[in-house]
Amino acid sequence: NMEWSLADSRDADLEIPTADHPQIRLITCGNQGNQTPVDDFDGRWEVCTRYSAPWFSAIGYYFGREINRHEKVPVGLIDNSWGGSSCDAWIRRDKMEGNPIYDQSLAKADELAADANQEEAFNRRLAEWEKQAALARAAGQPEPGGRPWLRDNVNGQCRPANLWHGRVEPIMPYAIRGVLWYQGETNAGRSYQYREMFPLMIQHWRDEWGQGDFPFYWVQLADYMNESSEPGESGWAELREAQTMTLDRLPHTGQAVIIDLGDGADIHPRNKVDVAKRLARIALARNYGRDIVYKSPRYDNLQIAGDKILVHFKDVDKELRTIDKREALGFAIAGEDRKWHTAQAKIVDKDWVEVWSDAVTEPVAVRYAWADNPVCNLYNAAGLPVTPFRSDDWPGVTK
């Protein structure tokens, strides 16, 4: 999604003819994955024009355009993205070795690398994945993460350290203002592991770059796959949770929530401009001092009042609002039996929501937008969606 080009995005025919921005410069790192250090890459800086912009990252382009519009300063954009990559590939291998939570991932990567160019081996792995995916769909569960792709085996964008060496090391001599990140789909089958891997990667980059705790802003996973009429478990929801947890683990981080901008039928939603604007909000507020709302509301705490749960949200700004319906959609509630039921909900104050279900007389936990592709409609006044959450810490499907 970060690699996705402007030319293939929504309304490209309207944007490209006016994509001439003399103060914006673009460069793309096109190196392949590598298991040994790399100190250079083939690429050149170009002025952003209607001729150079179409094949650049759409999110990168729209973000840079927004910063330039507000600040009237030159903006340089370095695109080192690779679609379908795993977080592991962006981390130097020794940073993961010796930690048991990565042992299985490293061993599997080595196994795949051993026969990386054997098409027969690839077809075997793909057939096994499709079998497991069919079983999961039949059971009403999310598909397993890590779908094999032929390009994975040839170029290794899922092999640990490959993109660290191929795509990060060559650009580290540059002075940078910050990083934008949009990844997670390939790690959704290992969401609990991502709780540690993602902040590890961010800190690893900061340490190696030697430019302090530079801003690192990411896009939370969008809504994807079939909408579910009943609450349940979700690896994608757990990956979003891991991303949100990182906000509290590391300083100078930010998250753009896009639970309303996805496409259930396509893992690559074409609306990139609104994603970029939510990232730009964070940068404009945090790094350029603009007085604008940039945080999505987050779960703060709950109070149990008889058969209802009162949920308090932080970072609300003015007030919570719903769209399409007055009722707040997307909530589920459970008692001590840990059985989830679709809940009714309504805003009872600017930052409080009351949640209940006739099926749960003694509730203990609440969830919101906890699904691959949830139906949810809660926002703040600035139009930023409420961050998906759960109040429980019961073991998830990827633990």
Protein backbone atom coordinates (compact mmCIF):
# COMPACT_ATOMS: atom_id res chain seq x y z
CA ASN A 1 0.00 0.00 0.00
CA MET A 2 2.90 2.38 0.55
CA GLU A 3 4.45 1.31 -2.75
CA TRP A 4 1.10 1.79 -4.54
CA SER A 5 1.58 4.40 -7.26
CA LEU A 6 -0.24 7.64 -7.80
CA ALA A 7 -1.15 6.50 -11.31
CA ASP A 8 -3.09 3.51 -9.97
CA SER A 9 -4.89 5.43 -7.22
CA ARG A 10 -8.34 6.96 -7.14
CA ASP A 11 -8.81 10.16 -9.16
CA ALA A 12 -5.33 9.90 -10.65
CA ASP A 13 -6.67 11.45 -13.86
CA LEU A 14 -7.60 14.56 -11.87
CA GLU A 15 -4.39 14.78 -9.86
CA ILE A 16 -1.60 13.99 -12.32
CA PRO A 17 -2.16 16.93 -14.74
CA THR A 18 -1.51 19.34 -11.84
CA ALA A 19 1.29 17.37 -10.13
CA ASP A 20 3.92 20.01 -10.91
CA HIS A 21 5.46 21.01 -7.57
CA PRO A 22 8.86 22.70 -8.01
CA GLN A 23 9.63 22.54 -4.28
CA ILE A 24 9.09 18.77 -4.00
CA ARG A 25 11.85 16.29 -4.90
CA LEU A 26 11.41 12.55 -5.38
CA ILE A 27 13.84 9.64 -5.30
CA THR A 28 13.22 5.88 -5.26
CA CYS A 29 15.50 3.21 -3.82
CA GLY A 30 15.05 0.23 -6.14
CA ASN A 31 17.52 -2.26 -4.68
CA GLN A 32 16.63 -5.93 -4.34
CA GLY A 33 16.77 -7.69 -0.99
CA ASN A 34 20.21 -8.63 0.28
CA GLN A 35 21.68 -10.62 3.15
CA THR A 36 24.89 -8.56 3.30
CA PRO A 37 25.46 -4.83 3.83
CA VAL A 38 24.75 -2.46 0.92
CA ASP A 39 26.00 1.14 0.83
CA ASP A 40 24.59 2.53 -2.42
CA PHE A 41 21.66 2.31 -4.84
CA ASP A 42 20.77 3.30 -8.36
CA GLY A 43 18.47 6.29 -8.31
CA ARG A 44 18.36 10.01 -8.85
CA TRP A 45 16.51 12.97 -7.41
CA GLU A 46 13.81 14.37 -9.66
CA VAL A 47 11.60 17.42 -9.48
CA CYS A 48 7.99 16.40 -8.82
CA THR A 49 6.14 16.92 -12.09
CA ARG A 50 3.23 15.39 -13.98
CA TYR A 51 5.84 13.11 -15.59
CA SER A 52 7.76 11.95 -12.51
CA ALA A 53 4.92 11.76 -9.95
CA PRO A 54 2.63 9.09 -11.51
CA TRP A 55 4.86 6.14 -10.62
CA PHE A 56 5.88 7.40 -7.20
CA SER A 57 4.23 6.26 -3.95
CA ALA A 58 0.75 7.81 -3.86
CA ILE A 59 0.77 8.22 -0.09
CA GLY A 60 4.26 9.71 -0.24
CA TYR A 61 3.24 12.14 -2.96
CA TYR A 62 0.04 13.30 -1.26
CA PHE A 63 1.80 13.66 2.10
CA GLY A 64 4.58 15.76 0.59
CA ARG A 65 2.09 17.88 -1.30
CA GLU A 66 0.17 18.59 1.90
CA ILE A 67 3.30 19.61 3.85
CA ASN A 68 4.43 21.84 1.01
CA ARG A 69 1.04 23.50 0.72
CA HIS A 70 0.99 24.42 4.41
CA GLU A 71 4.64 25.24 5.02
CA LYS A 72 5.82 26.56 1.63
CA VAL A 73 9.18 24.81 2.17
CA PRO A 74 11.06 22.29 0.04
CA VAL A 75 10.13 18.68 0.72
CA GLY A 76 12.25 15.66 -0.18
CA LEU A 77 10.63 12.23 -0.38
CA ILE A 78 12.68 9.02 -0.37
CA ASP A 79 10.62 5.99 -1.40
CA ASN A 80 12.17 2.72 -0.21
CA SER A 81 8.90 0.78 0.09
CA TRP A 82 8.28 -2.77 -1.11
CA GLY A 83 4.73 -4.12 -1.36
CA GLY A 84 3.93 -7.33 0.46
CA SER A 85 6.99 -7.17 2.69
CA SER A 86 7.13 -8.42 6.24
CA CYS A 87 8.40 -6.40 9.18
CA ASP A 88 11.16 -9.01 9.69
CA ALA A 89 12.77 -8.07 6.38
CA TRP A 90 13.39 -4.51 7.60
CA ILE A 91 15.37 -5.56 10.70
CA ARG A 92 18.99 -6.65 10.85
CA ARG A 93 19.06 -10.33 11.67
CA ASP A 94 21.21 -10.17 14.80
CA LYS A 95 18.59 -7.91 16.40
CA MET A 96 16.18 -10.88 16.41
CA GLU A 97 18.55 -13.78 17.02
CA GLY A 98 18.61 -15.12 20.56
CA ASN A 99 15.04 -14.07 21.33
CA PRO A 100 12.72 -17.12 21.45
CA ILE A 101 9.75 -15.23 20.00
CA TYR A 102 11.59 -15.00 16.67
CA ASP A 103 13.12 -18.50 16.55
CA GLN A 104 10.36 -20.08 14.47
CA SER A 105 10.19 -17.15 12.05
CA LEU A 106 13.95 -17.20 11.47
CA ALA A 107 14.00 -20.96 10.98
CA LYS A 108 11.12 -20.82 8.50
CA ALA A 109 12.82 -18.03 6.58
CA ASP A 110 16.00 -20.07 6.31
CA GLU A 111 14.01 -23.05 5.03
CA LEU A 112 12.34 -20.94 2.38
CA ALA A 113 15.61 -19.33 1.37
CA ALA A 114 17.25 -22.74 0.88
CA ASP A 115 14.98 -23.46 -2.08
CA ALA A 116 14.17 -19.86 -2.95
CA ASN A 117 14.34 -20.30 -6.70
CA GLN A 118 12.59 -23.65 -6.96
CA GLU A 119 9.16 -23.11 -8.46
CA GLU A 120 8.03 -26.57 -7.39
CA ALA A 121 8.72 -25.70 -3.75
CA PHE A 122 6.84 -22.43 -4.13
CA ASN A 123 3.81 -24.18 -5.63
CA ARG A 124 3.85 -26.67 -2.75
CA ARG A 125 3.82 -23.90 -0.14
CA LEU A 126 1.09 -22.02 -2.00
CA ALA A 127 -1.11 -25.15 -2.21
CA GLU A 128 -0.71 -25.75 1.52
CA TRP A 129 -1.56 -22.12 2.31
CA GLU A 130 -4.66 -22.23 0.10
CA LYS A 131 -5.77 -25.43 1.85
CA GLN A 132 -5.43 -23.80 5.28
CA ALA A 133 -7.16 -20.64 4.03
CA ALA A 134 -10.12 -22.67 2.73
CA LEU A 135 -10.45 -24.46 6.08
CA ALA A 136 -10.34 -21.14 7.92
CA ARG A 137 -13.03 -19.61 5.68
CA ALA A 138 -15.24 -22.66 6.13
CA ALA A 139 -14.92 -22.28 9.90
CA GLY A 140 -15.71 -18.58 9.72
CA GLN A 141 -12.17 -17.64 10.80
CA PRO A 142 -9.71 -15.19 9.22
CA GLU A 143 -7.32 -16.52 6.62
CA PRO A 144 -3.80 -17.29 7.83
CA GLY A 145 -1.23 -14.57 7.27
CA GLY A 146 1.85 -14.90 5.15
CA ARG A 147 0.39 -15.96 1.81
CA PRO A 148 3.30 -17.15 -0.36
CA TRP A 149 4.17 -15.04 -3.37
CA LEU A 150 6.64 -16.05 -6.04
CA ARG A 151 8.41 -12.72 -5.65
CA ASP A 152 8.99 -13.55 -1.96
CA ASN A 153 11.15 -16.47 -2.96
CA VAL A 154 13.05 -14.76 -5.77
CA ASN A 155 13.78 -11.47 -4.04
CA GLY A 156 13.05 -12.27 -0.41
CA GLN A 157 11.03 -9.28 0.80
CA CYS A 158 9.86 -11.50 3.64
CA ARG A 159 13.29 -12.87 4.55
CA PRO A 160 14.72 -11.33 7.74
CA ALA A 161 17.23 -8.52 7.13
CA ASN A 162 16.81 -8.54 3.34
CA LEU A 163 15.26 -5.09 3.07
CA TRP A 164 17.27 -3.68 5.95
CA HIS A 165 20.37 -4.28 3.85
CA GLY A 166 18.81 -3.61 0.45
CA ARG A 167 16.57 -0.64 1.18
CA VAL A 168 17.52 1.00 4.50
CA GLU A 169 21.31 0.88 4.77
CA PRO A 170 21.87 2.59 1.39
CA ILE A 171 19.86 5.67 2.40
CA MET A 172 21.11 6.05 5.98
CA PRO A 173 23.67 8.73 5.05
CA TYR A 174 20.75 11.09 4.34
CA ALA A 175 19.63 13.56 6.96
CA ILE A 176 15.91 12.95 7.42
CA ARG A 177 13.00 14.63 9.17
CA GLY A 178 11.04 11.43 9.82
CA VAL A 179 9.59 8.17 8.52
CA LEU A 180 6.15 7.16 7.22
CA TRP A 181 5.28 3.45 7.48
CA TYR A 182 2.36 1.45 6.09
CA GLN A 183 2.82 -2.29 6.64
CA GLY A 184 1.40 -5.10 8.72
CA GLU A 185 -0.78 -7.25 6.47
CA THR A 186 1.95 -9.85 5.96
CA ASN A 187 2.50 -10.09 9.73
CA ALA A 188 -1.18 -10.37 10.67
CA GLY A 189 -0.83 -14.09 11.37
CA ARG A 190 1.84 -13.22 13.98
CA SER A 191 0.21 -10.21 15.61
CA TYR A 192 1.36 -10.96 19.16
CA GLN A 193 4.93 -11.19 17.89
CA TYR A 194 4.42 -7.80 16.17
CA ARG A 195 3.91 -6.22 19.59
CA GLU A 196 7.66 -6.65 20.11
CA MET A 197 8.90 -6.71 16.51
CA PHE A 198 7.46 -3.37 15.42
CA PRO A 199 8.92 -1.23 18.25
CA LEU A 200 12.16 -3.20 17.91
CA MET A 201 12.37 -2.19 14.25
CA ILE A 202 11.66 1.48 14.95
CA GLN A 203 14.26 1.69 17.70
CA HIS A 204 16.72 -0.25 15.54
CA TRP A 205 16.37 2.30 12.73
CA ARG A 206 16.76 5.21 15.13
CA ASP A 207 19.85 3.74 16.77
CA GLU A 208 21.55 2.94 13.47
CA TRP A 209 20.66 6.23 11.78
CA GLY A 210 22.24 8.21 14.57
CA GLN A 211 19.85 11.16 14.26
CA GLY A 212 18.02 10.73 17.56
CA ASP A 213 14.42 9.65 18.07
CA PHE A 214 13.19 11.02 14.76
CA PRO A 215 9.40 11.02 14.18
CA PHE A 216 7.98 7.68 13.05
CA TYR A 217 4.35 7.77 11.92
CA TRP A 218 2.43 4.77 10.62
CA VAL A 219 -0.88 3.80 9.09
CA GLN A 220 -2.97 1.33 11.04
CA LEU A 221 -4.35 -1.56 8.98
CA ALA A 222 -7.50 -0.73 7.04
CA ASP A 223 -10.72 -2.73 7.04
CA TYR A 224 -10.48 -5.73 4.72
CA MET A 225 -12.17 -9.05 3.87
CA ASN A 226 -15.79 -9.92 4.55
CA GLU A 227 -17.87 -7.98 7.02
CA SER A 228 -18.98 -10.17 9.92
CA SER A 229 -22.48 -10.05 11.33
CA GLU A 230 -21.39 -11.58 14.65
CA PRO A 231 -18.45 -10.61 16.91
CA GLY A 232 -15.48 -12.95 17.00
CA GLU A 233 -11.72 -13.15 16.94
CA SER A 234 -9.48 -11.55 14.34
CA GLY A 235 -5.78 -11.64 13.57
CA TRP A 236 -6.10 -8.31 11.78
CA ALA A 237 -7.68 -6.72 14.87
CA GLU A 238 -4.80 -8.07 16.94
CA LEU A 239 -2.29 -6.54 14.51
CA ARG A 240 -4.04 -3.17 14.82
CA GLU A 241 -3.83 -3.56 18.59
CA ALA A 242 -0.08 -4.23 18.36
CA GLN A 243 0.34 -1.08 16.28
CA THR A 244 -1.61 1.01 18.80
CA MET A 245 0.44 -0.41 21.68
CA THR A 246 3.57 0.97 20.06
CA LEU A 247 2.30 4.51 20.63
CA ASP A 248 2.84 3.94 24.35
CA ARG A 249 6.14 2.11 23.93
CA LEU A 250 8.17 4.71 22.04
CA PRO A 251 8.30 8.54 21.94
CA HIS A 252 7.70 10.66 18.85
CA THR A 253 5.36 8.14 17.25
CA GLY A 254 1.94 8.63 15.66
CA GLN A 255 -0.80 6.52 14.12
CA ALA A 256 -3.26 7.28 11.33
CA VAL A 257 -6.40 5.18 11.86
CA ILE A 258 -8.08 4.22 8.56
CA ILE A 259 -10.65 1.63 9.68
CA ASP A 260 -13.11 3.49 7.41
CA LEU A 261 -10.96 3.80 4.26
CA GLY A 262 -10.42 0.17 3.25
CA ASP A 263 -11.99 -2.03 0.61
CA GLY A 264 -13.36 -5.37 1.72
CA ALA A 265 -12.70 -6.88 -1.71
CA ASP A 266 -9.21 -5.44 -2.26
CA ILE A 267 -6.22 -5.38 0.08
CA HIS A 268 -5.05 -2.30 -1.85
CA PRO A 269 -7.74 0.35 -1.42
CA ARG A 270 -7.40 3.09 -4.03
CA ASN A 271 -8.15 6.04 -1.74
CA LYS A 272 -4.65 7.13 -0.83
CA VAL A 273 -5.22 10.86 -0.50
CA ASP A 274 -7.24 10.60 2.73
CA VAL A 275 -4.67 8.22 4.21
CA ALA A 276 -1.92 10.73 3.43
CA LYS A 277 -3.93 13.62 4.87
CA ARG A 278 -4.27 11.80 8.19
CA LEU A 279 -0.51 11.27 8.26
CA ALA A 280 0.02 14.91 7.33
CA ARG A 281 -2.18 16.03 10.22
CA ILE A 282 0.22 14.31 12.61
CA ALA A 283 3.31 15.89 11.09
CA LEU A 284 1.79 19.36 10.77
CA ALA A 285 0.69 19.36 14.41
CA ARG A 286 3.67 17.61 15.97
CA ASN A 287 6.56 18.89 13.85
CA TYR A 288 5.39 22.16 12.32
CA GLY A 289 3.35 23.57 15.20
CA ARG A 290 0.01 23.77 13.41
CA ASP A 291 -3.05 23.96 15.67
CA ILE A 292 -5.05 21.11 14.15
CA VAL A 293 -6.59 17.90 15.46
CA TYR A 294 -4.42 14.92 14.59
CA LYS A 295 -5.21 12.11 17.04
CA SER A 296 -7.94 9.52 16.67
CA PRO A 297 -9.87 9.02 19.93
CA ARG A 298 -8.59 6.07 21.99
CA TYR A 299 -10.10 3.90 24.70
CA ASP A 300 -9.27 5.23 28.16
CA ASN A 301 -11.20 3.26 30.79
CA LEU A 302 -14.58 1.73 31.59
CA GLN A 303 -17.11 1.78 34.38
CA ILE A 304 -19.58 -1.04 34.94
CA ALA A 305 -23.04 0.21 35.89
CA GLY A 306 -25.35 -2.74 36.45
CA ASP A 307 -25.95 -4.42 33.10
CA LYS A 308 -24.24 -1.64 31.16
CA ILE A 309 -20.68 -0.54 30.53
CA LEU A 310 -19.70 3.09 30.31
CA VAL A 311 -16.65 3.57 28.08
CA HIS A 312 -14.51 6.68 28.37
CA PHE A 313 -12.35 7.89 25.47
CA LYS A 314 -9.31 10.17 25.46
CA ASP A 315 -8.04 12.43 22.67
CA VAL A 316 -11.62 13.20 21.69
CA ASP A 317 -11.15 16.94 21.04
CA LYS A 318 -14.65 18.50 21.01
CA GLU A 319 -16.98 15.49 21.05
CA LEU A 320 -17.75 12.04 19.72
CA ARG A 321 -20.08 11.73 16.77
CA THR A 322 -21.69 8.95 14.73
CA ILE A 323 -22.30 8.87 11.00
CA ASP A 324 -25.20 7.33 9.04
CA LYS A 325 -27.05 6.33 12.23
CA ARG A 326 -27.55 7.89 15.64
CA GLU A 327 -26.70 4.57 17.27
CA ALA A 328 -23.00 3.82 17.72
CA LEU A 329 -22.20 0.68 15.74
CA GLY A 330 -19.30 -1.69 16.18
CA PHE A 331 -19.44 -2.56 19.88
CA ALA A 332 -19.49 -6.04 21.43
CA ILE A 333 -19.85 -7.01 25.06
CA ALA A 334 -19.06 -10.12 27.11
CA GLY A 335 -19.52 -11.51 30.61
CA GLU A 336 -17.28 -13.81 32.63
CA ASP A 337 -18.05 -16.62 30.17
CA ARG A 338 -16.06 -14.69 27.52
CA LYS A 339 -18.82 -15.09 24.96
CA TRP A 340 -19.15 -12.00 22.79
CA HIS A 341 -22.49 -10.49 21.79
CA THR A 342 -23.27 -7.62 19.46
CA ALA A 343 -24.07 -4.64 21.67
CA GLN A 344 -26.19 -1.56 21.44
CA ALA A 345 -24.41 1.69 22.19
CA LYS A 346 -25.06 5.41 22.38
CA ILE A 347 -23.06 8.53 23.13
CA VAL A 348 -24.08 9.83 26.56
CA ASP A 349 -21.59 12.67 26.85
CA LYS A 350 -18.94 14.21 24.63
CA ASP A 351 -16.39 11.48 25.48
CA TRP A 352 -18.52 8.70 27.03
CA VAL A 353 -20.38 5.86 25.33
CA GLU A 354 -22.91 3.57 27.04
CA VAL A 355 -22.85 -0.05 25.88
CA TRP A 356 -25.23 -2.91 26.65
CA SER A 357 -26.79 -6.12 25.38
CA ASP A 358 -29.89 -7.96 26.52
CA ALA A 359 -27.86 -11.18 26.25
CA VAL A 360 -25.33 -10.08 28.90
CA THR A 361 -26.68 -9.22 32.34
CA GLU A 362 -23.29 -8.95 34.07
CA PRO A 363 -20.81 -7.51 31.55
CA VAL A 364 -17.08 -7.43 32.25
CA ALA A 365 -15.47 -6.50 28.92
CA VAL A 366 -16.13 -4.49 25.78
CA ARG A 367 -14.67 -4.33 22.28
CA TYR A 368 -15.03 -1.88 19.43
CA ALA A 369 -14.36 -2.48 15.71
CA TRP A 370 -12.76 -5.81 16.61
CA ALA A 371 -12.92 -7.64 13.28
CA ASP A 372 -11.12 -7.92 9.95
CA ASN A 373 -13.69 -5.62 8.39
CA PRO A 374 -15.88 -4.15 11.14
CA VAL A 375 -19.06 -2.14 10.76
CA CYS A 376 -18.35 0.90 12.92
CA ASN A 377 -19.31 4.57 12.81
CA LEU A 378 -17.77 6.49 15.73
CA TYR A 379 -15.66 9.61 15.04
CA ASN A 380 -14.50 12.81 16.63
CA ALA A 381 -15.63 16.22 15.40
CA ALA A 382 -12.64 16.47 13.04
CA GLY A 383 -13.76 13.32 11.22
CA LEU A 384 -11.05 11.01 12.60
CA PRO A 385 -12.35 7.53 13.43
CA VAL A 386 -12.19 6.07 16.91
CA THR A 387 -9.29 3.63 17.30
CA PRO A 388 -10.36 -0.05 17.42
CA PHE A 389 -9.82 -1.52 20.89
CA ARG A 390 -10.63 -4.20 23.42
CA SER A 391 -10.75 -3.76 27.20
CA ASP A 392 -9.89 -7.43 27.85
CA ASP A 393 -6.53 -9.17 27.62
CA TRP A 394 -7.86 -12.64 26.91
CA PRO A 395 -5.61 -14.75 24.66
CA GLY A 396 -6.12 -13.97 20.98
CA VAL A 397 -5.95 -16.17 17.90
CA THR A 398 -2.34 -15.26 17.10
CA LYS A 399 -0.93 -15.74 20.60
